[in-house]
Amino acid sequence: MDLSFEVEQKPIAELSESNSLLQSSFWGMFKSRFGWTAYALHIEHQDPKCNVDVLVLVRVLPGKFVFAYIPHGPTVVPDDN
């Protein structure tokens, strides 16, 4: 199984539609008002069904810690070849 992929940042407004509100451009812009930095990323894999956009939320915490997460991120599984 090939686990290599490419990640490319894209404008938050161009985040593709999702079944989850928490993976929408609206949610990224909403969370930005409360101290989070929102990133829209396009992840591309050799297997086309694994190509996906994700919203990543990042926040700097006291002590120079950084917390990042993908709320309700997609689940994709490449073919076992």
C-alpha atoms as a PDB file:
ATOM      1  CA  MET A   1       0.000   0.000   0.000  1.00  0.00           C
ATOM      2  CA  ASP A   2       1.401   3.386  -1.050  1.00  0.00           C
ATOM      3  CA  LEU A   3       1.060   5.893   1.803  1.00  0.00           C
ATOM      4  CA  SER A   4       2.642   8.828  -0.027  1.00  0.00           C
ATOM      5  CA  PHE A   5       0.545  11.919  -0.584  1.00  0.00           C
ATOM      6  CA  GLU A   6       0.840  15.621  -1.381  1.00  0.00           C
ATOM      7  CA  VAL A   7      -0.555  18.419   0.777  1.00  0.00           C
ATOM      8  CA  GLU A   8      -1.347  21.850  -0.613  1.00  0.00           C
ATOM      9  CA  GLN A   9      -2.793  24.850   1.227  1.00  0.00           C
ATOM     10  CA  LYS A  10      -5.755  26.570  -0.382  1.00  0.00           C
ATOM     11  CA  PRO A  11      -7.921  29.607   0.452  1.00  0.00           C
ATOM     12  CA  ILE A  12     -10.413  28.861   3.228  1.00  0.00           C
ATOM     13  CA  ALA A  13     -13.291  30.040   1.023  1.00  0.00           C
ATOM     14  CA  GLU A  14     -12.411  27.307  -1.517  1.00  0.00           C
ATOM     15  CA  LEU A  15     -12.796  24.436   0.958  1.00  0.00           C
ATOM     16  CA  SER A  16     -14.920  21.785  -0.745  1.00  0.00           C
ATOM     17  CA  GLU A  17     -18.387  20.925   0.558  1.00  0.00           C
ATOM     18  CA  SER A  18     -18.562  18.461   3.441  1.00  0.00           C
ATOM     19  CA  ASN A  19     -21.309  16.572   5.254  1.00  0.00           C
ATOM     20  CA  SER A  20     -20.022  18.090   8.497  1.00  0.00           C
ATOM     21  CA  LEU A  21     -20.512  21.713   9.512  1.00  0.00           C
ATOM     22  CA  LEU A  22     -17.213  21.380  11.397  1.00  0.00           C
ATOM     23  CA  GLN A  23     -15.390  20.835   8.079  1.00  0.00           C
ATOM     24  CA  SER A  24     -16.868  23.906   6.358  1.00  0.00           C
ATOM     25  CA  SER A  25     -15.327  27.233   5.410  1.00  0.00           C
ATOM     26  CA  PHE A  26     -18.031  28.828   7.594  1.00  0.00           C
ATOM     27  CA  TRP A  27     -16.721  26.949  10.657  1.00  0.00           C
ATOM     28  CA  GLY A  28     -13.132  27.945   9.909  1.00  0.00           C
ATOM     29  CA  MET A  29     -14.082  31.625   9.625  1.00  0.00           C
ATOM     30  CA  PHE A  30     -16.265  31.380  12.747  1.00  0.00           C
ATOM     31  CA  LYS A  31     -13.471  29.806  14.839  1.00  0.00           C
ATOM     32  CA  SER A  32     -11.037  32.479  13.558  1.00  0.00           C
ATOM     33  CA  ARG A  33     -13.036  35.036  15.552  1.00  0.00           C
ATOM     34  CA  PHE A  34     -12.203  33.155  18.761  1.00  0.00           C
ATOM     35  CA  GLY A  35      -8.418  32.893  18.556  1.00  0.00           C
ATOM     36  CA  TRP A  36      -8.039  29.928  16.219  1.00  0.00           C
ATOM     37  CA  THR A  37      -6.147  29.994  12.929  1.00  0.00           C
ATOM     38  CA  ALA A  38      -7.956  28.047  10.218  1.00  0.00           C
ATOM     39  CA  TYR A  39      -6.146  26.328   7.345  1.00  0.00           C
ATOM     40  CA  ALA A  40      -7.768  24.679   4.348  1.00  0.00           C
ATOM     41  CA  LEU A  41      -5.617  21.874   2.972  1.00  0.00           C
ATOM     42  CA  HIS A  42      -6.036  19.708  -0.098  1.00  0.00           C
ATOM     43  CA  ILE A  43      -4.585  16.213   0.365  1.00  0.00           C
ATOM     44  CA  GLU A  44      -3.934  14.282  -2.817  1.00  0.00           C
ATOM     45  CA  HIS A  45      -3.097  10.590  -3.064  1.00  0.00           C
ATOM     46  CA  GLN A  46      -2.401   8.279  -5.967  1.00  0.00           C
ATOM     47  CA  ASP A  47      -5.817   6.685  -5.313  1.00  0.00           C
ATOM     48  CA  PRO A  48      -8.377   9.344  -6.433  1.00  0.00           C
ATOM     49  CA  LYS A  49     -10.968   8.327  -3.809  1.00  0.00           C
ATOM     50  CA  CYS A  50      -8.456   9.436  -1.168  1.00  0.00           C
ATOM     51  CA  ASN A  51      -8.177  13.010  -2.497  1.00  0.00           C
ATOM     52  CA  VAL A  52      -9.828  15.251   0.063  1.00  0.00           C
ATOM     53  CA  ASP A  53      -9.997  18.777   1.474  1.00  0.00           C
ATOM     54  CA  VAL A  54      -9.681  19.224   5.235  1.00  0.00           C
ATOM     55  CA  LEU A  55     -10.089  22.107   7.647  1.00  0.00           C
ATOM     56  CA  VAL A  56      -7.300  22.259  10.233  1.00  0.00           C
ATOM     57  CA  LEU A  57      -7.719  24.491  13.289  1.00  0.00           C
ATOM     58  CA  VAL A  58      -4.617  25.685  15.141  1.00  0.00           C
ATOM     59  CA  ARG A  59      -4.256  27.573  18.410  1.00  0.00           C
ATOM     60  CA  VAL A  60      -1.157  28.697  20.306  1.00  0.00           C
ATOM     61  CA  LEU A  61      -1.393  27.857  24.014  1.00  0.00           C
ATOM     62  CA  PRO A  62       0.522  29.279  26.982  1.00  0.00           C
ATOM     63  CA  GLY A  63       4.056  27.938  27.298  1.00  0.00           C
ATOM     64  CA  LYS A  64       4.616  28.050  23.529  1.00  0.00           C
ATOM     65  CA  PHE A  65       2.529  24.927  22.949  1.00  0.00           C
ATOM     66  CA  VAL A  66       0.558  24.594  19.745  1.00  0.00           C
ATOM     67  CA  PHE A  67      -2.689  22.646  19.497  1.00  0.00           C
ATOM     68  CA  ALA A  68      -3.933  21.587  16.061  1.00  0.00           C
ATOM     69  CA  TYR A  69      -6.844  19.375  15.136  1.00  0.00           C
ATOM     70  CA  ILE A  70      -9.111  18.377  12.274  1.00  0.00           C
ATOM     71  CA  PRO A  71     -12.700  18.531  13.579  1.00  0.00           C
ATOM     72  CA  HIS A  72     -14.822  15.670  12.199  1.00  0.00           C
ATOM     73  CA  GLY A  73     -12.174  15.052   9.586  1.00  0.00           C
ATOM     74  CA  PRO A  74     -12.881  12.666   6.727  1.00  0.00           C
ATOM     75  CA  THR A  75     -12.071   8.982   6.828  1.00  0.00           C
ATOM     76  CA  VAL A  76     -10.509   7.649   3.653  1.00  0.00           C
ATOM     77  CA  VAL A  77      -8.869   4.295   3.075  1.00  0.00           C
ATOM     78  CA  PRO A  78      -6.696   3.616   0.034  1.00  0.00           C
ATOM     79  CA  ASP A  79      -7.103   0.348  -1.851  1.00  0.00           C
ATOM     80  CA  ASP A  80      -4.857  -2.504  -0.629  1.00  0.00           C
ATOM     81  CA  ASN A  81      -2.697  -2.931  -3.722  1.00  0.00           C
END
